[in-house]
Amino acid sequence: MPRLLQYQSIKHFESKIQMALLNRIMFKIIDKLNFLGDNKFCQNQMMNSL
């Protein structure tokens, strides 16, 4: 496997992990906001701020 390809696949893998972590954190935050109250508004605010 060429070096560059290896590097790119590692980078790709890292970004997938970061996305998964981010999604989990976002889900927890949204879950808490849902628990607190007006979930549609909160979710829209969250999505708009991304």
PDB file of N, CA and C in Angstrom:
ATOM      1  N   MET A   1       0.838  -1.198   0.000  1.00  0.00           N
ATOM      2  CA  MET A   1       0.000   0.000   0.000  1.00  0.00           C
ATOM      3  C   MET A   1       0.878   1.255   0.000  1.00  0.00           C
ATOM      4  N   PRO A   2       0.667   2.133  -0.974  1.00  0.00           N
ATOM      5  CA  PRO A   2       1.455   3.364  -1.036  1.00  0.00           C
ATOM      6  C   PRO A   2       1.260   4.226   0.213  1.00  0.00           C
ATOM      7  N   ARG A   3       2.300   4.937   0.580  1.00  0.00           N
ATOM      8  CA  ARG A   3       2.268   5.764   1.787  1.00  0.00           C
ATOM      9  C   ARG A   3       1.102   6.747   1.807  1.00  0.00           C
ATOM     10  N   LEU A   4       0.931   7.449   0.708  1.00  0.00           N
ATOM     11  CA  LEU A   4      -0.100   8.483   0.634  1.00  0.00           C
ATOM     12  C   LEU A   4      -1.484   7.885   0.836  1.00  0.00           C
ATOM     13  N   LEU A   5      -1.721   6.759   0.187  1.00  0.00           N
ATOM     14  CA  LEU A   5      -3.004   6.089   0.324  1.00  0.00           C
ATOM     15  C   LEU A   5      -3.255   5.690   1.768  1.00  0.00           C
ATOM     16  N   GLN A   6      -2.228   5.175   2.395  1.00  0.00           N
ATOM     17  CA  GLN A   6      -2.334   4.774   3.787  1.00  0.00           C
ATOM     18  C   GLN A   6      -2.691   5.982   4.652  1.00  0.00           C
ATOM     19  N   TYR A   7      -2.004   7.075   4.414  1.00  0.00           N
ATOM     20  CA  TYR A   7      -2.239   8.304   5.165  1.00  0.00           C
ATOM     21  C   TYR A   7      -3.676   8.787   4.972  1.00  0.00           C
ATOM     22  N   GLN A   8      -4.137   8.771   3.725  1.00  0.00           N
ATOM     23  CA  GLN A   8      -5.487   9.237   3.428  1.00  0.00           C
ATOM     24  C   GLN A   8      -6.535   8.360   4.110  1.00  0.00           C
ATOM     25  N   SER A   9      -6.313   7.054   4.100  1.00  0.00           N
ATOM     26  CA  SER A   9      -7.295   6.166   4.718  1.00  0.00           C
ATOM     27  C   SER A   9      -7.321   6.357   6.235  1.00  0.00           C
ATOM     28  N   ILE A  10      -6.148   6.628   6.817  1.00  0.00           N
ATOM     29  CA  ILE A  10      -6.106   6.915   8.255  1.00  0.00           C
ATOM     30  C   ILE A  10      -6.851   8.210   8.543  1.00  0.00           C
ATOM     31  N   LYS A  11      -6.619   9.224   7.737  1.00  0.00           N
ATOM     32  CA  LYS A  11      -7.308  10.504   7.911  1.00  0.00           C
ATOM     33  C   LYS A  11      -8.817  10.304   7.783  1.00  0.00           C
ATOM     34  N   HIS A  12      -9.221   9.526   6.792  1.00  0.00           N
ATOM     35  CA  HIS A  12     -10.633   9.251   6.574  1.00  0.00           C
ATOM     36  C   HIS A  12     -11.231   8.567   7.797  1.00  0.00           C
ATOM     37  N   PHE A  13     -10.513   7.588   8.319  1.00  0.00           N
ATOM     38  CA  PHE A  13     -10.962   6.853   9.489  1.00  0.00           C
ATOM     39  C   PHE A  13     -11.086   7.778  10.691  1.00  0.00           C
ATOM     40  N   GLU A  14     -10.091   8.647  10.874  1.00  0.00           N
ATOM     41  CA  GLU A  14     -10.124   9.604  11.982  1.00  0.00           C
ATOM     42  C   GLU A  14     -11.331  10.521  11.877  1.00  0.00           C
ATOM     43  N   SER A  15     -11.599  11.010  10.679  1.00  0.00           N
ATOM     44  CA  SER A  15     -12.729  11.925  10.519  1.00  0.00           C
ATOM     45  C   SER A  15     -14.053  11.196  10.778  1.00  0.00           C
ATOM     46  N   LYS A  16     -14.110   9.896  10.414  1.00  0.00           N
ATOM     47  CA  LYS A  16     -15.318   9.129  10.705  1.00  0.00           C
ATOM     48  C   LYS A  16     -15.526   8.995  12.210  1.00  0.00           C
ATOM     49  N   ILE A  17     -14.439   8.757  12.922  1.00  0.00           N
ATOM     50  CA  ILE A  17     -14.527   8.653  14.380  1.00  0.00           C
ATOM     51  C   ILE A  17     -14.972   9.978  14.981  1.00  0.00           C
ATOM     52  N   GLN A  18     -14.369  11.063  14.505  1.00  0.00           N
ATOM     53  CA  GLN A  18     -14.735  12.381  15.013  1.00  0.00           C
ATOM     54  C   GLN A  18     -16.208  12.671  14.756  1.00  0.00           C
ATOM     55  N   MET A  19     -16.688  12.329  13.558  1.00  0.00           N
ATOM     56  CA  MET A  19     -18.098  12.537  13.233  1.00  0.00           C
ATOM     57  C   MET A  19     -18.989  11.734  14.177  1.00  0.00           C
ATOM     58  N   ALA A  20     -18.598  10.481  14.429  1.00  0.00           N
ATOM     59  CA  ALA A  20     -19.393   9.625  15.309  1.00  0.00           C
ATOM     60  C   ALA A  20     -19.452  10.206  16.719  1.00  0.00           C
ATOM     61  N   LEU A  21     -18.303  10.669  17.201  1.00  0.00           N
ATOM     62  CA  LEU A  21     -18.267  11.286  18.534  1.00  0.00           C
ATOM     63  C   LEU A  21     -19.135  12.535  18.569  1.00  0.00           C
ATOM     64  N   LEU A  22     -19.003  13.352  17.539  1.00  0.00           N
ATOM     65  CA  LEU A  22     -19.782  14.578  17.455  1.00  0.00           C
ATOM     66  C   LEU A  22     -21.272  14.262  17.456  1.00  0.00           C
ATOM     67  N   ASN A  23     -21.661  13.256  16.662  1.00  0.00           N
ATOM     68  CA  ASN A  23     -23.061  12.865  16.606  1.00  0.00           C
ATOM     69  C   ASN A  23     -23.567  12.417  17.968  1.00  0.00           C
ATOM     70  N   ARG A  24     -22.755  11.665  18.689  1.00  0.00           N
ATOM     71  CA  ARG A  24     -23.149  11.204  20.022  1.00  0.00           C
ATOM     72  C   ARG A  24     -23.324  12.377  20.975  1.00  0.00           C
ATOM     73  N   ILE A  25     -22.383  13.318  20.916  1.00  0.00           N
ATOM     74  CA  ILE A  25     -22.469  14.497  21.786  1.00  0.00           C
ATOM     75  C   ILE A  25     -23.708  15.313  21.427  1.00  0.00           C
ATOM     76  N   MET A  26     -23.909  15.534  20.129  1.00  0.00           N
ATOM     77  CA  MET A  26     -25.072  16.287  19.665  1.00  0.00           C
ATOM     78  C   MET A  26     -26.355  15.611  20.128  1.00  0.00           C
ATOM     79  N   PHE A  27     -26.385  14.285  19.981  1.00  0.00           N
ATOM     80  CA  PHE A  27     -27.576  13.543  20.362  1.00  0.00           C
ATOM     81  C   PHE A  27     -27.874  13.718  21.847  1.00  0.00           C
ATOM     82  N   LYS A  28     -26.819  13.662  22.669  1.00  0.00           N
ATOM     83  CA  LYS A  28     -26.998  13.835  24.115  1.00  0.00           C
ATOM     84  C   LYS A  28     -27.493  15.229  24.434  1.00  0.00           C
ATOM     85  N   ILE A  29     -26.914  16.234  23.772  1.00  0.00           N
ATOM     86  CA  ILE A  29     -27.339  17.621  24.012  1.00  0.00           C
ATOM     87  C   ILE A  29     -28.795  17.797  23.608  1.00  0.00           C
ATOM     88  N   ILE A  30     -29.135  17.327  22.414  1.00  0.00           N
ATOM     89  CA  ILE A  30     -30.510  17.457  21.925  1.00  0.00           C
ATOM     90  C   ILE A  30     -31.463  16.707  22.854  1.00  0.00           C
ATOM     91  N   ASP A  31     -31.028  15.528  23.313  1.00  0.00           N
ATOM     92  CA  ASP A  31     -31.826  14.742  24.239  1.00  0.00           C
ATOM     93  C   ASP A  31     -32.116  15.545  25.508  1.00  0.00           C
ATOM     94  N   LYS A  32     -31.105  16.210  26.030  1.00  0.00           N
ATOM     95  CA  LYS A  32     -31.281  17.031  27.231  1.00  0.00           C
ATOM     96  C   LYS A  32     -32.217  18.202  26.955  1.00  0.00           C
ATOM     97  N   LEU A  33     -32.046  18.819  25.799  1.00  0.00           N
ATOM     98  CA  LEU A  33     -32.903  19.942  25.440  1.00  0.00           C
ATOM     99  C   LEU A  33     -34.350  19.476  25.292  1.00  0.00           C
ATOM    100  N   ASN A  34     -34.532  18.317  24.688  1.00  0.00           N
ATOM    101  CA  ASN A  34     -35.875  17.752  24.564  1.00  0.00           C
ATOM    102  C   ASN A  34     -36.502  17.568  25.931  1.00  0.00           C
ATOM    103  N   PHE A  35     -35.676  17.082  26.849  1.00  0.00           N
ATOM    104  CA  PHE A  35     -36.137  16.841  28.212  1.00  0.00           C
ATOM    105  C   PHE A  35     -36.559  18.149  28.859  1.00  0.00           C
ATOM    106  N   LEU A  36     -35.825  19.217  28.546  1.00  0.00           N
ATOM    107  CA  LEU A  36     -36.089  20.511  29.174  1.00  0.00           C
ATOM    108  C   LEU A  36     -37.356  21.168  28.637  1.00  0.00           C
ATOM    109  N   GLY A  37     -37.623  20.986  27.363  1.00  0.00           N
ATOM    110  CA  GLY A  37     -38.820  21.688  26.869  1.00  0.00           C
ATOM    111  C   GLY A  37     -39.064  21.613  25.393  1.00  0.00           C
ATOM    112  N   ASP A  38     -39.271  22.774  24.787  1.00  0.00           N
ATOM    113  CA  ASP A  38     -39.703  22.913  23.405  1.00  0.00           C
ATOM    114  C   ASP A  38     -38.683  22.321  22.441  1.00  0.00           C
ATOM    115  N   ASN A  39     -38.811  21.023  22.178  1.00  0.00           N
ATOM    116  CA  ASN A  39     -37.760  20.314  21.442  1.00  0.00           C
ATOM    117  C   ASN A  39     -37.612  20.751  19.989  1.00  0.00           C
ATOM    118  N   LYS A  40     -38.695  21.042  19.295  1.00  0.00           N
ATOM    119  CA  LYS A  40     -38.585  21.438  17.891  1.00  0.00           C
ATOM    120  C   LYS A  40     -37.753  22.705  17.760  1.00  0.00           C
ATOM    121  N   PHE A  41     -38.029  23.669  18.598  1.00  0.00           N
ATOM    122  CA  PHE A  41     -37.276  24.922  18.564  1.00  0.00           C
ATOM    123  C   PHE A  41     -35.802  24.675  18.850  1.00  0.00           C
ATOM    124  N   CYS A  42     -35.521  23.898  19.870  1.00  0.00           N
ATOM    125  CA  CYS A  42     -34.140  23.612  20.246  1.00  0.00           C
ATOM    126  C   CYS A  42     -33.401  22.892  19.118  1.00  0.00           C
ATOM    127  N   GLN A  43     -34.052  21.900  18.546  1.00  0.00           N
ATOM    128  CA  GLN A  43     -33.416  21.147  17.466  1.00  0.00           C
ATOM    129  C   GLN A  43     -33.122  22.054  16.284  1.00  0.00           C
ATOM    130  N   ASN A  44     -34.076  22.926  15.953  1.00  0.00           N
ATOM    131  CA  ASN A  44     -33.856  23.844  14.837  1.00  0.00           C
ATOM    132  C   ASN A  44     -32.693  24.776  15.129  1.00  0.00           C
ATOM    133  N   GLN A  45     -32.611  25.272  16.349  1.00  0.00           N
ATOM    134  CA  GLN A  45     -31.504  26.141  16.732  1.00  0.00           C
ATOM    135  C   GLN A  45     -30.174  25.401  16.600  1.00  0.00           C
ATOM    136  N   MET A  46     -30.147  24.153  17.083  1.00  0.00           N
ATOM    137  CA  MET A  46     -28.930  23.348  17.016  1.00  0.00           C
ATOM    138  C   MET A  46     -28.505  23.158  15.568  1.00  0.00           C
ATOM    139  N   MET A  47     -29.447  22.766  14.725  1.00  0.00           N
ATOM    140  CA  MET A  47     -29.118  22.481  13.324  1.00  0.00           C
ATOM    141  C   MET A  47     -28.673  23.750  12.608  1.00  0.00           C
ATOM    142  N   ASN A  48     -29.300  24.861  12.924  1.00  0.00           N
ATOM    143  CA  ASN A  48     -28.946  26.120  12.262  1.00  0.00           C
ATOM    144  C   ASN A  48     -27.567  26.598  12.673  1.00  0.00           C
ATOM    145  N   SER A  49     -27.175  26.272  13.902  1.00  0.00           N
ATOM    146  CA  SER A  49     -25.891  26.754  14.391  1.00  0.00           C
ATOM    147  C   SER A  49     -24.720  25.933  13.860  1.00  0.00           C
ATOM    148  N   LEU A  50     -24.999  24.793  13.233  1.00  0.00           N
ATOM    149  CA  LEU A  50     -23.914  23.956  12.715  1.00  0.00           C
ATOM    150  C   LEU A  50     -23.342  24.551  11.429  1.00  0.00           C
TER     151      LEU A  50
END
